Protein backbone atom coordinates (compact mmCIF):
# COMPACT_ATOMS: atom_id res chain seq x y z
CA MET A 1 36.18 11.91 -17.83
CA THR A 2 32.71 13.19 -18.67
CA GLN A 3 29.55 11.16 -18.73
CA PRO A 4 27.65 10.73 -22.02
CA PRO A 5 24.68 13.05 -22.33
CA SER A 6 21.30 11.66 -21.41
CA THR A 7 18.33 11.78 -23.76
CA ASN A 8 14.87 13.04 -23.00
CA PHE A 9 11.60 11.56 -24.24
CA GLN A 10 11.70 13.30 -27.62
CA GLY A 11 15.11 11.72 -28.38
CA ARG A 12 17.07 14.97 -28.25
CA PHE A 13 20.31 15.20 -26.34
CA SER A 14 20.53 17.07 -23.07
CA ILE A 15 23.67 18.13 -21.25
CA ARG A 16 22.00 18.39 -17.84
CA ARG A 17 22.19 15.52 -15.42
CA PRO A 18 18.98 13.69 -14.46
CA ARG A 19 17.08 15.27 -11.57
CA THR A 20 17.20 13.46 -8.25
CA GLU A 21 14.69 15.63 -6.36
CA LEU A 22 11.95 13.02 -6.44
CA ARG A 23 14.25 10.29 -5.16
CA MET A 24 15.47 12.55 -2.35
CA ARG A 25 11.94 13.47 -1.41
CA ILE A 26 10.84 9.83 -1.16
CA ALA A 27 13.93 8.56 0.66
CA GLY A 28 14.40 11.64 2.84
CA PRO A 29 12.76 12.26 6.22
CA ALA A 30 9.90 14.24 4.65
CA GLY A 31 8.79 11.17 2.80
CA LEU A 32 8.97 8.73 5.70
CA VAL A 33 5.78 9.60 7.61
CA PRO A 34 3.57 9.88 4.50
CA GLY A 35 5.01 6.59 3.29
CA ILE A 36 4.16 4.84 6.52
CA VAL A 37 0.65 6.34 6.55
CA TYR A 38 0.15 5.26 2.93
CA GLY A 39 1.31 1.72 3.70
CA VAL A 40 -0.99 1.35 6.67
CA ALA A 41 -3.98 2.73 4.71
CA LEU A 42 -3.26 0.36 1.86
CA ALA A 43 -2.98 -2.59 4.24
CA PHE A 44 -6.44 -1.93 5.63
CA ALA A 45 -7.99 -1.00 2.25
CA GLY A 46 -6.54 -4.09 0.58
CA PRO A 47 -9.55 -6.40 0.98
CA ALA A 48 -11.87 -3.87 -0.74
CA ILE A 49 -9.41 -3.46 -3.57
CA LEU A 50 -9.03 -7.24 -3.92
CA ILE A 51 -12.81 -7.82 -4.12
CA ARG A 52 -13.30 -4.95 -6.54
CA ASN A 53 -10.62 -6.27 -8.88
CA SER A 54 -11.85 -9.86 -8.78
CA VAL A 55 -15.41 -8.83 -9.59
CA ARG A 56 -14.20 -6.60 -12.42
CA GLY A 57 -12.14 -9.52 -13.73
CA ARG A 58 -15.24 -11.64 -13.75
CA ARG A 59 -17.34 -9.05 -15.59
CA ILE A 60 -14.80 -7.68 -18.06
CA GLU A 61 -12.43 -10.61 -18.72
CA ASN A 62 -14.97 -13.39 -18.04
CA ARG A 63 -12.77 -15.10 -15.49
CA PRO A 64 -14.14 -18.20 -13.73
CA TRP A 65 -16.35 -17.64 -10.69
CA LYS A 66 -13.85 -19.67 -8.64
CA PHE A 67 -11.37 -16.80 -8.95
CA VAL A 68 -13.96 -14.40 -7.50
CA LEU A 69 -14.72 -16.87 -4.71
CA GLY A 70 -11.02 -17.30 -3.93
CA GLY A 71 -10.49 -13.54 -3.92
CA CYS A 72 -13.43 -13.07 -1.55
CA VAL A 73 -12.16 -15.76 0.84
CA ILE A 74 -8.68 -14.20 0.87
CA ALA A 75 -10.21 -10.72 1.41
CA ALA A 76 -12.40 -11.97 4.26
CA GLY A 77 -9.41 -13.48 6.07
CA TRP A 78 -7.34 -10.36 5.43
CA SER A 79 -10.13 -8.15 6.78
CA PHE A 80 -10.54 -10.39 9.84
CA PHE A 81 -6.86 -10.19 10.70
CA SER A 82 -6.79 -6.42 10.06
CA GLY A 83 -9.63 -6.02 12.55
CA THR A 84 -7.81 -8.23 15.03
CA VAL A 85 -4.73 -5.99 14.75
CA ILE A 86 -6.86 -2.87 15.38
CA LEU A 87 -8.61 -4.41 18.39
CA TYR A 88 -5.29 -5.59 19.82
CA GLY A 89 -3.75 -2.13 19.29
CA VAL A 90 -6.69 -0.35 20.96
CA GLY A 91 -6.61 -2.81 23.87
CA GLU A 92 -2.90 -2.32 24.41
CA ALA A 93 -3.23 1.48 24.14
CA THR A 94 -5.91 1.50 26.84
CA ARG A 95 -3.74 -0.76 29.00
CA VAL A 96 -0.70 1.46 28.64
CA ALA A 97 -2.79 4.58 29.31
CA GLY A 98 -4.11 3.02 32.50
CA LEU A 99 -7.72 3.02 31.33
CA GLY A 100 -8.26 -0.72 31.45
CA THR A 101 -6.63 -4.13 31.61
CA GLY A 102 -6.09 -4.55 27.86
CA ILE A 103 -7.15 -7.70 26.11
CA ALA A 104 -8.26 -10.33 28.54
């Protein structure tokens, strides 16, 4: 039994099956390392993005200043814990490499 033809954006019928190259590239091993790097970069850039969006929401959409304050408090905590993770990672790396005692 054949599958019904898929339609493209213009509404015309197409006999070809949908392409799966993008899905294979993301799920395959070539997409794993860039995905991890992107996730780590986003985790450490998150506080800046959060503050930027809360300030823009105040200016453009006239949101209450309490939302900006709440966003800044969350971003400060997030930034603090991100720095703690970096310091802990550097301390453990120096301990494993034999260059120091790690975090005391």
